[in-house]
PDB file of N, CA and C in Angstrom:
ATOM      1  N   MET A   1      99.665 101.101  84.241  1.00  0.00           N
ATOM      2  CA  MET A   1      98.620 101.605  85.093  1.00  0.00           C
ATOM      3  C   MET A   1      98.396 103.086  84.816  1.00  0.00           C
ATOM      4  N   ARG A   2      97.168 103.487  84.920  1.00  0.00           N
ATOM      5  CA  ARG A   2      96.817 104.879  84.717  1.00  0.00           C
ATOM      6  C   ARG A   2      97.010 105.672  85.996  1.00  0.00           C
ATOM      7  N   GLY A   3      96.926 106.985  85.908  1.00  0.00           N
ATOM      8  CA  GLY A   3      97.159 107.859  87.052  1.00  0.00           C
ATOM      9  C   GLY A   3      96.222 107.600  88.217  1.00  0.00           C
ATOM     10  N   LYS A   4      94.935 107.417  87.934  1.00  0.00           N
ATOM     11  CA  LYS A   4      93.950 107.174  88.989  1.00  0.00           C
ATOM     12  C   LYS A   4      94.243 105.854  89.697  1.00  0.00           C
ATOM     13  N   GLU A   5      94.627 104.853  88.926  1.00  0.00           N
ATOM     14  CA  GLU A   5      94.927 103.542  89.503  1.00  0.00           C
ATOM     15  C   GLU A   5      96.195 103.578  90.350  1.00  0.00           C
ATOM     16  N   LYS A   6      97.163 104.359  89.926  1.00  0.00           N
ATOM     17  CA  LYS A   6      98.375 104.515  90.729  1.00  0.00           C
ATOM     18  C   LYS A   6      98.048 105.162  92.069  1.00  0.00           C
ATOM     19  N   MET A   7      97.135 106.125  92.047  1.00  0.00           N
ATOM     20  CA  MET A   7      96.738 106.784  93.290  1.00  0.00           C
ATOM     21  C   MET A   7      96.037 105.815  94.230  1.00  0.00           C
ATOM     22  N   ILE A   8      95.238 104.906  93.683  1.00  0.00           N
ATOM     23  CA  ILE A   8      94.549 103.915  94.514  1.00  0.00           C
ATOM     24  C   ILE A   8      95.570 103.006  95.188  1.00  0.00           C
ATOM     25  N   VAL A   9      96.539 102.518  94.434  1.00  0.00           N
ATOM     26  CA  VAL A   9      97.558 101.627  94.987  1.00  0.00           C
ATOM     27  C   VAL A   9      98.434 102.370  95.994  1.00  0.00           C
ATOM     28  N   MET A  10      98.832 103.595  95.691  1.00  0.00           N
ATOM     29  CA  MET A  10      99.655 104.365  96.630  1.00  0.00           C
ATOM     30  C   MET A  10      98.869 104.706  97.897  1.00  0.00           C
ATOM     31  N   GLY A  11      97.582 104.977  97.758  1.00  0.00           N
ATOM     32  CA  GLY A  11      96.746 105.240  98.927  1.00  0.00           C
ATOM     33  C   GLY A  11      96.659 104.015  99.831  1.00  0.00           C
ATOM     34  N   ALA A  12      96.537 102.855  99.219  1.00  0.00           N
ATOM     35  CA  ALA A  12      96.494 101.622 100.005  1.00  0.00           C
ATOM     36  C   ALA A  12      97.812 101.412 100.742  1.00  0.00           C
ATOM     37  N   ALA A  13      98.907 101.653 100.064  1.00  0.00           N
ATOM     38  CA  ALA A  13     100.217 101.484 100.701  1.00  0.00           C
ATOM     39  C   ALA A  13     100.437 102.515 101.808  1.00  0.00           C
ATOM     40  N   SER A  14      99.908 103.714 101.621  1.00  0.00           N
ATOM     41  CA  SER A  14     100.120 104.761 102.629  1.00  0.00           C
ATOM     42  C   SER A  14      99.361 104.497 103.921  1.00  0.00           C
ATOM     43  N   ILE A  15      98.366 103.613 103.890  1.00  0.00           N
ATOM     44  CA  ILE A  15      97.646 103.253 105.112  1.00  0.00           C
ATOM     45  C   ILE A  15      98.605 102.645 106.130  1.00  0.00           C
ATOM     46  N   LEU A  16      99.678 102.041 105.656  1.00  0.00           N
ATOM     47  CA  LEU A  16     100.658 101.443 106.561  1.00  0.00           C
ATOM     48  C   LEU A  16     101.428 102.493 107.359  1.00  0.00           C
ATOM     49  N   LEU A  17     101.315 103.740 106.995  1.00  0.00           N
ATOM     50  CA  LEU A  17     101.960 104.797 107.776  1.00  0.00           C
ATOM     51  C   LEU A  17     101.298 104.979 109.137  1.00  0.00           C
ATOM     52  N   VAL A  18     100.030 104.608 109.252  1.00  0.00           N
ATOM     53  CA  VAL A  18      99.316 104.779 110.529  1.00  0.00           C
ATOM     54  C   VAL A  18      99.986 103.971 111.640  1.00  0.00           C
ATOM     55  N   PRO A  19     100.187 102.653 111.487  1.00  0.00           N
ATOM     56  CA  PRO A  19     100.856 101.928 112.578  1.00  0.00           C
ATOM     57  C   PRO A  19     102.319 102.328 112.730  1.00  0.00           C
ATOM     58  N   LEU A  20     102.970 102.699 111.646  1.00  0.00           N
ATOM     59  CA  LEU A  20     104.361 103.117 111.737  1.00  0.00           C
ATOM     60  C   LEU A  20     104.493 104.377 112.595  1.00  0.00           C
ATOM     61  N   ILE A  21     103.627 105.338 112.387  1.00  0.00           N
ATOM     62  CA  ILE A  21     103.651 106.561 113.185  1.00  0.00           C
ATOM     63  C   ILE A  21     103.210 106.275 114.620  1.00  0.00           C
ATOM     64  N   ALA A  22     102.202 105.437 114.788  1.00  0.00           N
ATOM     65  CA  ALA A  22     101.720 105.106 116.132  1.00  0.00           C
ATOM     66  C   ALA A  22     102.809 104.434 116.960  1.00  0.00           C
ATOM     67  N   MET A  23     103.650 103.646 116.325  1.00  0.00           N
ATOM     68  CA  MET A  23     104.733 102.972 117.040  1.00  0.00           C
ATOM     69  C   MET A  23     105.737 103.964 117.617  1.00  0.00           C
ATOM     70  N   GLN A  24     105.807 105.157 117.044  1.00  0.00           N
ATOM     71  CA  GLN A  24     106.743 106.164 117.530  1.00  0.00           C
ATOM     72  C   GLN A  24     106.270 106.815 118.826  1.00  0.00           C
ATOM     73  N   PHE A  25     104.954 106.723 119.103  1.00  0.00           N
ATOM     74  CA  PHE A  25     104.383 107.429 120.241  1.00  0.00           C
ATOM     75  C   PHE A  25     103.882 106.531 121.360  1.00  0.00           C
ATOM     76  N   THR A  26     103.697 105.238 121.094  1.00  0.00           N
ATOM     77  CA  THR A  26     103.151 104.348 122.119  1.00  0.00           C
ATOM     78  C   THR A  26     103.728 102.944 121.985  1.00  0.00           C
ATOM     79  N   ASP A  27     103.740 102.243 123.102  1.00  0.00           N
ATOM     80  CA  ASP A  27     104.181 100.855 123.086  1.00  0.00           C
ATOM     81  C   ASP A  27     103.018  99.898 122.824  1.00  0.00           C
ATOM     82  N   GLU A  28     101.812 100.419 122.731  1.00  0.00           N
ATOM     83  CA  GLU A  28     100.630  99.593 122.481  1.00  0.00           C
ATOM     84  C   GLU A  28     100.627  99.028 121.064  1.00  0.00           C
ATOM     85  N   VAL A  29     101.263  99.708 120.138  1.00  0.00           N
ATOM     86  CA  VAL A  29     101.367  99.237 118.764  1.00  0.00           C
ATOM     87  C   VAL A  29     102.770  98.690 118.594  1.00  0.00           C
ATOM     88  N   ALA A  30     102.869  97.395 118.351  1.00  0.00           N
ATOM     89  CA  ALA A  30     104.180  96.745 118.241  1.00  0.00           C
ATOM     90  C   ALA A  30     104.200  95.834 117.021  1.00  0.00           C
ATOM     91  N   TRP A  31     104.306  96.428 115.840  1.00  0.00           N
ATOM     92  CA  TRP A  31     104.361  95.658 114.612  1.00  0.00           C
ATOM     93  C   TRP A  31     105.800  95.272 114.313  1.00  0.00           C
ATOM     94  N   THR A  32     105.969  94.087 113.743  1.00  0.00           N
ATOM     95  CA  THR A  32     107.283  93.649 113.282  1.00  0.00           C
ATOM     96  C   THR A  32     107.370  93.884 111.776  1.00  0.00           C
ATOM     97  N   LEU A  33     108.532  93.624 111.225  1.00  0.00           N
ATOM     98  CA  LEU A  33     108.695  93.760 109.773  1.00  0.00           C
ATOM     99  C   LEU A  33     107.726  92.840 109.048  1.00  0.00           C
ATOM    100  N   ALA A  34     107.537  91.639 109.579  1.00  0.00           N
ATOM    101  CA  ALA A  34     106.613  90.688 108.957  1.00  0.00           C
ATOM    102  C   ALA A  34     105.186  91.231 108.930  1.00  0.00           C
ATOM    103  N   ASP A  35     104.784  91.922 109.977  1.00  0.00           N
ATOM    104  CA  ASP A  35     103.448  92.520 110.015  1.00  0.00           C
ATOM    105  C   ASP A  35     103.279  93.557 108.903  1.00  0.00           C
ATOM    106  N   PHE A  36     104.299  94.374 108.716  1.00  0.00           N
ATOM    107  CA  PHE A  36     104.233  95.386 107.660  1.00  0.00           C
ATOM    108  C   PHE A  36     104.229  94.743 106.277  1.00  0.00           C
ATOM    109  N   VAL A  37     104.991  93.684 106.101  1.00  0.00           N
ATOM    110  CA  VAL A  37     105.029  92.995 104.806  1.00  0.00           C
ATOM    111  C   VAL A  37     103.664  92.382 104.497  1.00  0.00           C
ATOM    112  N   VAL A  38     103.099  91.663 105.460  1.00  0.00           N
ATOM    113  CA  VAL A  38     101.789  91.039 105.248  1.00  0.00           C
ATOM    114  C   VAL A  38     100.717  92.107 105.041  1.00  0.00           C
ATOM    115  N   GLY A  39     100.741  93.153 105.847  1.00  0.00           N
ATOM    116  CA  GLY A  39      99.781  94.242 105.672  1.00  0.00           C
ATOM    117  C   GLY A  39      99.905  94.898 104.305  1.00  0.00           C
ATOM    118  N   GLY A  40     101.135  95.108 103.879  1.00  0.00           N
ATOM    119  CA  GLY A  40     101.359  95.701 102.555  1.00  0.00           C
ATOM    120  C   GLY A  40     100.858  94.812 101.433  1.00  0.00           C
ATOM    121  N   ILE A  41     101.125  93.521 101.553  1.00  0.00           N
ATOM    122  CA  ILE A  41     100.651  92.582 100.532  1.00  0.00           C
ATOM    123  C   ILE A  41      99.130  92.582 100.488  1.00  0.00           C
ATOM    124  N   LEU A  42      98.494  92.568 101.660  1.00  0.00           N
ATOM    125  CA  LEU A  42      97.029  92.577 101.696  1.00  0.00           C
ATOM    126  C   LEU A  42      96.449  93.864 101.107  1.00  0.00           C
ATOM    127  N   LEU A  43      96.976  95.002 101.522  1.00  0.00           N
ATOM    128  CA  LEU A  43      96.421  96.278 101.056  1.00  0.00           C
ATOM    129  C   LEU A  43      96.675  96.526  99.577  1.00  0.00           C
ATOM    130  N   VAL A  44      97.901  96.335  99.155  1.00  0.00           N
ATOM    131  CA  VAL A  44      98.219  96.564  97.738  1.00  0.00           C
ATOM    132  C   VAL A  44      97.541  95.503  96.872  1.00  0.00           C
ATOM    133  N   GLY A  45      97.496  94.271  97.369  1.00  0.00           N
ATOM    134  CA  GLY A  45      96.800  93.215  96.625  1.00  0.00           C
ATOM    135  C   GLY A  45      95.326  93.519  96.454  1.00  0.00           C
ATOM    136  N   ALA A  46      94.692  94.005  97.514  1.00  0.00           N
ATOM    137  CA  ALA A  46      93.277  94.374  97.421  1.00  0.00           C
ATOM    138  C   ALA A  46      93.080  95.543  96.458  1.00  0.00           C
ATOM    139  N   ALA A  47      93.979  96.514  96.507  1.00  0.00           N
ATOM    140  CA  ALA A  47      93.874  97.662  95.592  1.00  0.00           C
ATOM    141  C   ALA A  47      94.046  97.217  94.145  1.00  0.00           C
ATOM    142  N   LEU A  48      95.011  96.351  93.897  1.00  0.00           N
ATOM    143  CA  LEU A  48      95.216  95.854  92.533  1.00  0.00           C
ATOM    144  C   LEU A  48      94.043  94.996  92.072  1.00  0.00           C
ATOM    145  N   ALA A  49      93.475  94.198  92.985  1.00  0.00           N
ATOM    146  CA  ALA A  49      92.298  93.393  92.630  1.00  0.00           C
ATOM    147  C   ALA A  49      91.138  94.309  92.252  1.00  0.00           C
ATOM    148  N   TYR A  50      90.949  95.374  93.023  1.00  0.00           N
ATOM    149  CA  TYR A  50      89.890  96.331  92.697  1.00  0.00           C
ATOM    150  C   TYR A  50      90.123  96.945  91.321  1.00  0.00           C
ATOM    151  N   VAL A  51      91.334  97.389  91.075  1.00  0.00           N
ATOM    152  CA  VAL A  51      91.639  98.039  89.794  1.00  0.00           C
ATOM    153  C   VAL A  51      91.384  97.069  88.639  1.00  0.00           C
ATOM    154  N   PHE A  52      91.842  95.830  88.780  1.00  0.00           N
ATOM    155  CA  PHE A  52      91.687  94.854  87.709  1.00  0.00           C
ATOM    156  C   PHE A  52      90.216  94.530  87.454  1.00  0.00           C
ATOM    157  N   VAL A  53      89.475  94.217  88.500  1.00  0.00           N
ATOM    158  CA  VAL A  53      88.073  93.816  88.331  1.00  0.00           C
ATOM    159  C   VAL A  53      87.223  95.014  87.913  1.00  0.00           C
ATOM    160  N   ALA A  54      87.479  96.182  88.481  1.00  0.00           N
ATOM    161  CA  ALA A  54      86.695  97.366  88.114  1.00  0.00           C
ATOM    162  C   ALA A  54      86.931  97.756  86.657  1.00  0.00           C
ATOM    163  N   ARG A  55      88.113  97.465  86.156  1.00  0.00           N
ATOM    164  CA  ARG A  55      88.386  97.743  84.746  1.00  0.00           C
ATOM    165  C   ARG A  55      87.559  96.816  83.849  1.00  0.00           C
ATOM    166  N   GLN A  56      87.338  95.589  84.312  1.00  0.00           N
ATOM    167  CA  GLN A  56      86.552  94.632  83.533  1.00  0.00           C
ATOM    168  C   GLN A  56      85.048  94.920  83.645  1.00  0.00           C
ATOM    169  N   LEU A  57      84.626  95.436  84.785  1.00  0.00           N
ATOM    170  CA  LEU A  57      83.207  95.720  85.039  1.00  0.00           C
ATOM    171  C   LEU A  57      83.020  97.187  85.432  1.00  0.00           C
ATOM    172  N   PRO A  58      83.191  98.110  84.496  1.00  0.00           N
ATOM    173  CA  PRO A  58      83.146  99.534  84.862  1.00  0.00           C
ATOM    174  C   PRO A  58      81.801  99.999  85.412  1.00  0.00           C
ATOM    175  N   SER A  59      80.724  99.333  85.067  1.00  0.00           N
ATOM    176  CA  SER A  59      79.418  99.768  85.579  1.00  0.00           C
ATOM    177  C   SER A  59      79.151  99.250  86.993  1.00  0.00           C
ATOM    178  N   ARG A  60      80.024  98.422  87.513  1.00  0.00           N
ATOM    179  CA  ARG A  60      79.832  97.819  88.840  1.00  0.00           C
ATOM    180  C   ARG A  60      80.945  98.199  89.812  1.00  0.00           C
ATOM    181  N   ARG A  61      81.524  99.364  89.653  1.00  0.00           N
ATOM    182  CA  ARG A  61      82.659  99.767  90.495  1.00  0.00           C
ATOM    183  C   ARG A  61      82.322  99.780  91.983  1.00  0.00           C
ATOM    184  N   LEU A  62      81.156 100.256  92.351  1.00  0.00           N
ATOM    185  CA  LEU A  62      80.781 100.305  93.757  1.00  0.00           C
ATOM    186  C   LEU A  62      80.683  98.899  94.345  1.00  0.00           C
ATOM    187  N   ALA A  63      80.029  98.003  93.628  1.00  0.00           N
ATOM    188  CA  ALA A  63      79.888  96.622  94.100  1.00  0.00           C
ATOM    189  C   ALA A  63      81.257  95.944  94.209  1.00  0.00           C
ATOM    190  N   VAL A  64      82.110  96.185  93.239  1.00  0.00           N
ATOM    191  CA  VAL A  64      83.459  95.614  93.272  1.00  0.00           C
ATOM    192  C   VAL A  64      84.219  96.159  94.474  1.00  0.00           C
ATOM    193  N   GLY A  65      84.141  97.461  94.701  1.00  0.00           N
ATOM    194  CA  GLY A  65      84.831  98.079  95.827  1.00  0.00           C
ATOM    195  C   GLY A  65      84.348  97.539  97.164  1.00  0.00           C
ATOM    196  N   LEU A  66      83.036  97.404  97.304  1.00  0.00           N
ATOM    197  CA  LEU A  66      82.482  96.866  98.550  1.00  0.00           C
ATOM    198  C   LEU A  66      82.884  95.413  98.753  1.00  0.00           C
ATOM    199  N   GLY A  67      82.878  94.632  97.686  1.00  0.00           N
ATOM    200  CA  GLY A  67      83.266  93.226  97.787  1.00  0.00           C
ATOM    201  C   GLY A  67      84.725  93.049  98.157  1.00  0.00           C
ATOM    202  N   VAL A  68      85.592  93.782  97.494  1.00  0.00           N
ATOM    203  CA  VAL A  68      87.029  93.697  97.792  1.00  0.00           C
ATOM    204  C   VAL A  68      87.293  94.182  99.221  1.00  0.00           C
ATOM    205  N   THR A  69      86.629  95.249  99.630  1.00  0.00           N
ATOM    206  CA  THR A  69      86.805  95.759 100.992  1.00  0.00           C
ATOM    207  C   THR A  69      86.331  94.744 102.027  1.00  0.00           C
ATOM    208  N   ALA A  70      85.205  94.093 101.779  1.00  0.00           N
ATOM    209  CA  ALA A  70      84.682  93.096 102.715  1.00  0.00           C
ATOM    210  C   ALA A  70      85.654  91.929 102.868  1.00  0.00           C
ATOM    211  N   VAL A  71      86.186  91.443 101.760  1.00  0.00           N
ATOM    212  CA  VAL A  71      87.149  90.334 101.819  1.00  0.00           C
ATOM    213  C   VAL A  71      88.413  90.781 102.550  1.00  0.00           C
ATOM    214  N   LEU A  72      88.895  91.973 102.258  1.00  0.00           N
ATOM    215  CA  LEU A  72      90.094  92.483 102.922  1.00  0.00           C
ATOM    216  C   LEU A  72      89.892  92.570 104.431  1.00  0.00           C
ATOM    217  N   VAL A  73      88.765  93.115 104.865  1.00  0.00           N
ATOM    218  CA  VAL A  73      88.492  93.262 106.296  1.00  0.00           C
ATOM    219  C   VAL A  73      88.390  91.896 106.971  1.00  0.00           C
ATOM    220  N   LEU A  74      87.720  90.935 106.339  1.00  0.00           N
ATOM    221  CA  LEU A  74      87.598  89.605 106.926  1.00  0.00           C
ATOM    222  C   LEU A  74      88.947  88.908 107.047  1.00  0.00           C
ATOM    223  N   VAL A  75      89.780  89.007 106.026  1.00  0.00           N
ATOM    224  CA  VAL A  75      91.108  88.397 106.095  1.00  0.00           C
ATOM    225  C   VAL A  75      91.944  89.088 107.157  1.00  0.00           C
ATOM    226  N   TRP A  76      91.902  90.422 107.200  1.00  0.00           N
ATOM    227  CA  TRP A  76      92.679  91.177 108.193  1.00  0.00           C
ATOM    228  C   TRP A  76      92.248  90.797 109.615  1.00  0.00           C
ATOM    229  N   LEU A  77      90.937  90.708 109.846  1.00  0.00           N
ATOM    230  CA  LEU A  77      90.437  90.324 111.165  1.00  0.00           C
ATOM    231  C   LEU A  77      90.863  88.906 111.537  1.00  0.00           C
ATOM    232  N   GLU A  78      90.839  88.008 110.580  1.00  0.00           N
ATOM    233  CA  GLU A  78      91.254  86.639 110.862  1.00  0.00           C
ATOM    234  C   GLU A  78      92.729  86.583 111.236  1.00  0.00           C
ATOM    235  N   LEU A  79      93.547  87.308 110.510  1.00  0.00           N
ATOM    236  CA  LEU A  79      94.978  87.312 110.818  1.00  0.00           C
ATOM    237  C   LEU A  79      95.274  88.025 112.132  1.00  0.00           C
ATOM    238  N   ALA A  80      94.489  89.024 112.456  1.00  0.00           N
ATOM    239  CA  ALA A  80      94.752  89.807 113.670  1.00  0.00           C
ATOM    240  C   ALA A  80      94.250  89.131 114.939  1.00  0.00           C
ATOM    241  N   VAL A  81      93.020  88.644 114.925  1.00  0.00           N
ATOM    242  CA  VAL A  81      92.421  88.132 116.164  1.00  0.00           C
ATOM    243  C   VAL A  81      91.822  86.744 116.045  1.00  0.00           C
ATOM    244  N   GLY A  82      91.918  86.104 114.895  1.00  0.00           N
ATOM    245  CA  GLY A  82      91.384  84.756 114.759  1.00  0.00           C
ATOM    246  C   GLY A  82      89.868  84.711 114.782  1.00  0.00           C
ATOM    247  N   LEU A  83      89.247  85.535 113.992  1.00  0.00           N
ATOM    248  CA  LEU A  83      87.791  85.649 113.952  1.00  0.00           C
ATOM    249  C   LEU A  83      87.120  84.297 113.694  1.00  0.00           C
ATOM    250  N   PHE A  84      87.676  83.502 112.788  1.00  0.00           N
ATOM    251  CA  PHE A  84      87.087  82.229 112.414  1.00  0.00           C
ATOM    252  C   PHE A  84      87.822  81.027 113.003  1.00  0.00           C
ATOM    253  N   GLY A  85      88.946  81.239 113.630  1.00  0.00           N
ATOM    254  CA  GLY A  85      89.683  80.154 114.265  1.00  0.00           C
ATOM    255  C   GLY A  85      90.478  79.277 113.314  1.00  0.00           C
ATOM    256  N   THR A  86      90.874  79.801 112.172  1.00  0.00           N
ATOM    257  CA  THR A  86      91.693  79.014 111.257  1.00  0.00           C
ATOM    258  C   THR A  86      93.135  78.967 111.737  1.00  0.00           C
ATOM    259  N   PRO A  87      93.943  78.058 111.191  1.00  0.00           N
ATOM    260  CA  PRO A  87      95.345  77.977 111.613  1.00  0.00           C
ATOM    261  C   PRO A  87      96.169  79.218 111.251  1.00  0.00           C
ATOM    262  N   PHE A  88      95.645  80.094 110.411  1.00  0.00           N
ATOM    263  CA  PHE A  88      96.378  81.289 109.989  1.00  0.00           C
ATOM    264  C   PHE A  88      96.288  82.430 111.006  1.00  0.00           C
ATOM    265  N   ALA A  89      95.417  82.267 111.994  1.00  0.00           N
ATOM    266  CA  ALA A  89      95.179  83.330 112.971  1.00  0.00           C
ATOM    267  C   ALA A  89      96.429  83.594 113.790  1.00  0.00           C
ATOM    268  N   GLY A  90      96.581  84.836 114.208  1.00  0.00           N
ATOM    269  CA  GLY A  90      97.725  85.207 115.037  1.00  0.00           C
ATOM    270  C   GLY A  90      97.638  84.557 116.411  1.00  0.00           C
ATOM    271  N   SER A  91      98.767  84.476 117.073  1.00  0.00           N
ATOM    272  CA  SER A  91      98.768  83.807 118.383  1.00  0.00           C
ATOM    273  C   SER A  91      98.512  84.790 119.509  1.00  0.00           C
TER     274      SER A  91
END
């Protein structure tokens, strides 16, 4: 991986610091280890998907980024609140 791509993946992983820090100050955020693992897999997976596809289609980086972000948000919402009502939704 190149330097720019490493920064994208590390930036995605660092997003997990937000709930980790929030848990130190409030009881409203109560993530378990499994939540962090799934969140990490989703974020890093989305970042790697962006890097891979954007490398194949360099003239379409914006479209690739928007597409990967849209899929990530929809999956995250489904896992968090059951947006579509699939069996994967949280309880």
